[in-house]
Amino acid sequence: QVQLVESGGGLVQPGGSLRLSCVASRILFSIYAMGWYRQAPGKQRELVAIISRDSSTNYADSVKGRFTISRDNAKNTVYLQMNSLKPEDTAVYYCKAQYNVMDFWGKGTLVTVSS
């Protein structure tokens, strides 16, 4: 069974940084596009960043210049480096693996930005 396990969330002050990790197991990681999504309380889940299998990237406008997505195929891991965090970045962050019509989700990690 495919597993995606996120880690690295927590409480951080505005302006701070966090790095999220998502480790995938039981998939051929290198062929999957990997994405980070988030869902704030009372809001729909939204795309944060995505990295293709050839490592091209796309970001939501709200995080451009602050967040960086990267992948390490040797470690089956995708990262999200989050800098200059704002209270509006508070959400549960989910990792997604997608290949053609197949997609898999992790259970999420909570990021809280508050003073």
Protein backbone atom coordinates (compact mmCIF):
# COMPACT_ATOMS: atom_id res chain seq x y z
CA GLN A 1 0.00 0.00 0.00
CA VAL A 2 1.27 3.42 -0.98
CA GLN A 3 2.19 5.65 1.96
CA LEU A 4 2.97 9.35 2.08
CA VAL A 5 4.08 10.64 5.47
CA GLU A 6 4.49 14.34 6.11
CA SER A 7 6.56 15.85 8.91
CA GLY A 8 8.05 19.16 9.98
CA GLY A 9 4.95 21.10 10.94
CA GLY A 10 4.63 23.04 14.16
CA LEU A 11 4.18 26.43 15.75
CA VAL A 12 6.28 29.28 14.38
CA GLN A 13 6.21 33.03 14.81
CA PRO A 14 5.40 35.36 11.91
CA GLY A 15 8.50 35.87 9.79
CA GLY A 16 9.89 32.49 10.77
CA SER A 17 10.71 29.43 8.71
CA LEU A 18 9.83 25.76 8.57
CA ARG A 19 10.78 22.90 6.30
CA LEU A 20 8.22 20.23 5.60
CA SER A 21 9.16 16.77 4.39
CA CYS A 22 7.09 14.05 2.77
CA VAL A 23 8.47 10.55 2.46
CA ALA A 24 6.82 8.20 -0.01
CA SER A 25 6.91 4.45 0.11
CA ARG A 26 5.77 1.66 -2.20
CA ILE A 27 5.72 3.85 -5.32
CA LEU A 28 8.18 4.48 -8.12
CA PHE A 29 8.76 7.95 -6.74
CA SER A 30 10.75 9.36 -9.65
CA ILE A 31 7.88 9.14 -12.14
CA TYR A 32 5.38 10.98 -9.94
CA ALA A 33 4.67 14.68 -9.88
CA MET A 34 4.65 15.75 -6.23
CA GLY A 35 2.65 18.54 -4.73
CA TRP A 36 2.01 20.35 -1.49
CA TYR A 37 -1.52 21.46 -0.71
CA ARG A 38 -2.99 23.14 2.34
CA GLN A 39 -6.35 23.52 3.99
CA ALA A 40 -7.07 26.26 6.47
CA PRO A 41 -10.01 26.01 8.89
CA GLY A 42 -13.27 26.64 7.07
CA LYS A 43 -11.60 26.83 3.67
CA GLN A 44 -11.14 24.53 0.71
CA ARG A 45 -7.92 22.69 0.12
CA GLU A 46 -5.64 24.63 -2.22
CA LEU A 47 -2.49 23.99 -4.18
CA VAL A 48 0.65 25.48 -2.67
CA ALA A 49 3.40 24.14 -4.93
CA ILE A 50 4.05 21.34 -7.35
CA ILE A 51 7.20 19.77 -8.77
CA SER A 52 7.15 17.59 -11.85
CA ARG A 53 9.23 14.48 -12.36
CA ASP A 54 11.75 16.59 -14.30
CA SER A 55 11.81 19.06 -11.36
CA SER A 56 10.01 21.95 -13.01
CA THR A 57 8.03 23.85 -10.40
CA ASN A 58 4.90 25.95 -10.02
CA TYR A 59 3.67 27.93 -7.04
CA ALA A 60 0.51 29.58 -5.85
CA ASP A 61 0.80 33.35 -6.16
CA SER A 62 0.39 33.70 -2.40
CA VAL A 63 3.64 31.82 -1.70
CA LYS A 64 5.85 32.82 -4.64
CA GLY A 65 9.20 34.10 -3.45
CA ARG A 66 8.69 32.69 0.05
CA PHE A 67 8.28 28.92 -0.43
CA THR A 68 10.51 26.49 -2.32
CA ILE A 69 9.57 22.95 -3.31
CA SER A 70 12.28 20.40 -4.04
CA ARG A 71 12.63 16.65 -4.36
CA ASP A 72 15.25 14.00 -3.67
CA ASN A 73 14.44 10.93 -5.72
CA ALA A 74 17.15 8.90 -3.98
CA LYS A 75 15.32 9.43 -0.67
CA ASN A 76 11.75 9.26 -2.07
CA THR A 77 11.22 12.63 -0.42
CA VAL A 78 9.71 15.97 -1.38
CA TYR A 79 10.38 19.10 0.66
CA LEU A 80 8.70 22.44 1.16
CA GLN A 81 10.93 25.17 2.52
CA MET A 82 8.73 27.92 3.92
CA ASN A 83 10.25 31.29 4.75
CA SER A 84 8.76 34.61 5.85
CA LEU A 85 5.74 32.81 7.20
CA LYS A 86 2.53 34.74 7.75
CA PRO A 87 -0.48 34.02 9.97
CA GLU A 88 -2.49 33.31 6.80
CA ASP A 89 -0.16 30.40 6.06
CA THR A 90 -1.69 28.57 9.02
CA ALA A 91 -3.19 25.33 7.72
CA VAL A 92 -2.83 21.59 7.52
CA TYR A 93 -0.31 20.87 4.78
CA TYR A 94 -0.77 17.76 2.66
CA CYS A 95 1.56 15.97 0.31
CA LYS A 96 0.21 14.50 -2.94
CA ALA A 97 1.76 12.15 -5.47
CA GLN A 98 0.25 12.08 -8.95
CA TYR A 99 0.94 10.01 -12.07
CA ASN A 100 -1.61 10.17 -14.89
CA VAL A 101 -4.99 9.45 -13.24
CA MET A 102 -3.51 7.97 -10.08
CA ASP A 103 -3.05 10.12 -7.03
CA PHE A 104 -2.17 9.47 -3.40
CA TRP A 105 -2.39 11.74 -0.36
CA GLY A 106 -0.70 11.94 2.97
CA LYS A 107 -2.53 12.62 6.21
CA GLY A 108 -1.13 16.10 6.64
CA THR A 109 0.97 18.09 9.06
CA LEU A 110 -0.27 21.17 10.91
CA VAL A 111 1.51 24.49 10.50
CA THR A 112 0.52 27.28 12.86
CA VAL A 113 1.93 30.77 12.40
CA SER A 114 1.23 32.87 15.45
CA SER A 115 2.91 35.15 17.92
